[in-house]
């Protein structure tokens, strides 16, 4: 199963685990410049975007792509604490 031309996986199932956007974005802003350089190849990030805007774009576009390719998407917060 191809994932929007980014990677090729030959898995029988793909599950999309979603975390609260605000919690995710607060982690994404800590990415290294090397990570941002790689992400710019796959996410429409503009040179003048603020760190917050880049992080929001990354969260949105990556999750849209993942949802389109997953058999099942679920929110981490919907599962009870074990």
Protein backbone atom coordinates (compact mmCIF):
# COMPACT_ATOMS: atom_id res chain seq x y z
CA UNK A 1 0.00 0.00 0.00
CA UNK A 2 1.52 3.33 -1.03
CA UNK A 3 1.23 6.32 1.26
CA UNK A 4 0.84 9.38 -0.96
CA UNK A 5 4.12 8.58 -2.67
CA UNK A 6 6.11 9.18 0.52
CA UNK A 7 6.84 5.64 1.55
CA UNK A 8 5.91 2.18 0.47
CA UNK A 9 4.69 -0.30 3.03
CA UNK A 10 3.61 -3.85 2.46
CA UNK A 11 1.63 -4.13 5.68
CA UNK A 12 -1.74 -5.86 5.89
CA UNK A 13 -3.12 -3.17 8.21
CA UNK A 14 -2.28 0.44 8.95
CA UNK A 15 -3.68 2.08 12.08
CA UNK A 16 -3.65 5.83 12.50
CA UNK A 17 -3.13 6.86 16.12
CA UNK A 18 -4.22 10.44 16.73
CA UNK A 19 -3.12 12.49 19.71
CA UNK A 20 -4.78 15.71 20.88
CA UNK A 21 -3.68 18.43 18.43
CA UNK A 22 -2.55 20.89 21.11
CA UNK A 23 -0.49 18.25 22.90
CA UNK A 24 1.00 17.13 19.59
CA UNK A 25 1.82 20.62 18.37
CA UNK A 26 3.49 21.51 21.66
CA UNK A 27 5.82 18.55 21.03
CA UNK A 28 6.27 19.26 17.32
CA UNK A 29 7.69 22.74 18.00
CA UNK A 30 10.73 21.01 19.55
CA UNK A 31 11.78 19.33 16.28
CA UNK A 32 15.34 19.91 15.13
CA UNK A 33 16.26 21.90 12.00
CA UNK A 34 17.27 18.62 10.35
CA UNK A 35 13.75 17.25 10.94
CA UNK A 36 12.16 20.40 9.52
CA UNK A 37 14.37 20.18 6.44
CA UNK A 38 13.09 16.65 5.78
CA UNK A 39 9.46 17.55 6.52
CA UNK A 40 9.52 20.42 4.02
CA UNK A 41 9.74 17.79 1.31
CA UNK A 42 6.33 16.39 2.30
CA UNK A 43 4.39 19.19 4.00
CA UNK A 44 3.64 22.60 2.42
CA UNK A 45 5.74 24.73 4.75
CA UNK A 46 6.74 28.21 3.64
CA UNK A 47 10.10 29.78 4.44
CA UNK A 48 8.48 32.67 6.34
CA UNK A 49 6.08 30.50 8.40
CA UNK A 50 6.49 30.89 12.14
CA UNK A 51 7.47 27.85 14.16
CA UNK A 52 3.90 27.58 15.45
CA UNK A 53 2.43 27.79 11.94
CA UNK A 54 4.89 25.18 10.61
CA UNK A 55 3.97 22.89 13.50
CA UNK A 56 0.24 23.29 12.89
CA UNK A 57 0.65 22.65 9.16
CA UNK A 58 2.72 19.56 9.86
CA UNK A 59 0.14 18.15 12.30
CA UNK A 60 -2.75 18.82 9.89
CA UNK A 61 -1.23 17.61 6.62
CA UNK A 62 0.46 14.55 8.13
CA UNK A 63 -2.76 13.44 9.80
CA UNK A 64 -4.80 13.96 6.63
CA UNK A 65 -2.34 11.75 4.72
CA UNK A 66 -2.32 9.13 7.46
CA UNK A 67 -6.11 9.04 7.71
CA UNK A 68 -6.43 8.57 3.94
CA UNK A 69 -4.19 5.50 4.08
CA UNK A 70 -5.28 3.90 7.35
CA UNK A 71 -7.84 1.17 7.79
CA UNK A 72 -8.66 2.55 11.22
CA UNK A 73 -8.03 5.89 12.91
CA UNK A 74 -8.43 6.34 16.64
CA UNK A 75 -7.74 8.95 19.30
CA UNK A 76 -5.34 8.04 22.08
CA UNK A 77 -7.47 9.97 24.53
CA UNK A 78 -10.49 7.76 23.78
CA UNK A 79 -8.83 4.74 25.41
CA UNK A 80 -9.13 4.24 29.16
CA UNK A 81 -5.98 4.40 31.26
CA UNK A 82 -4.74 0.89 31.93
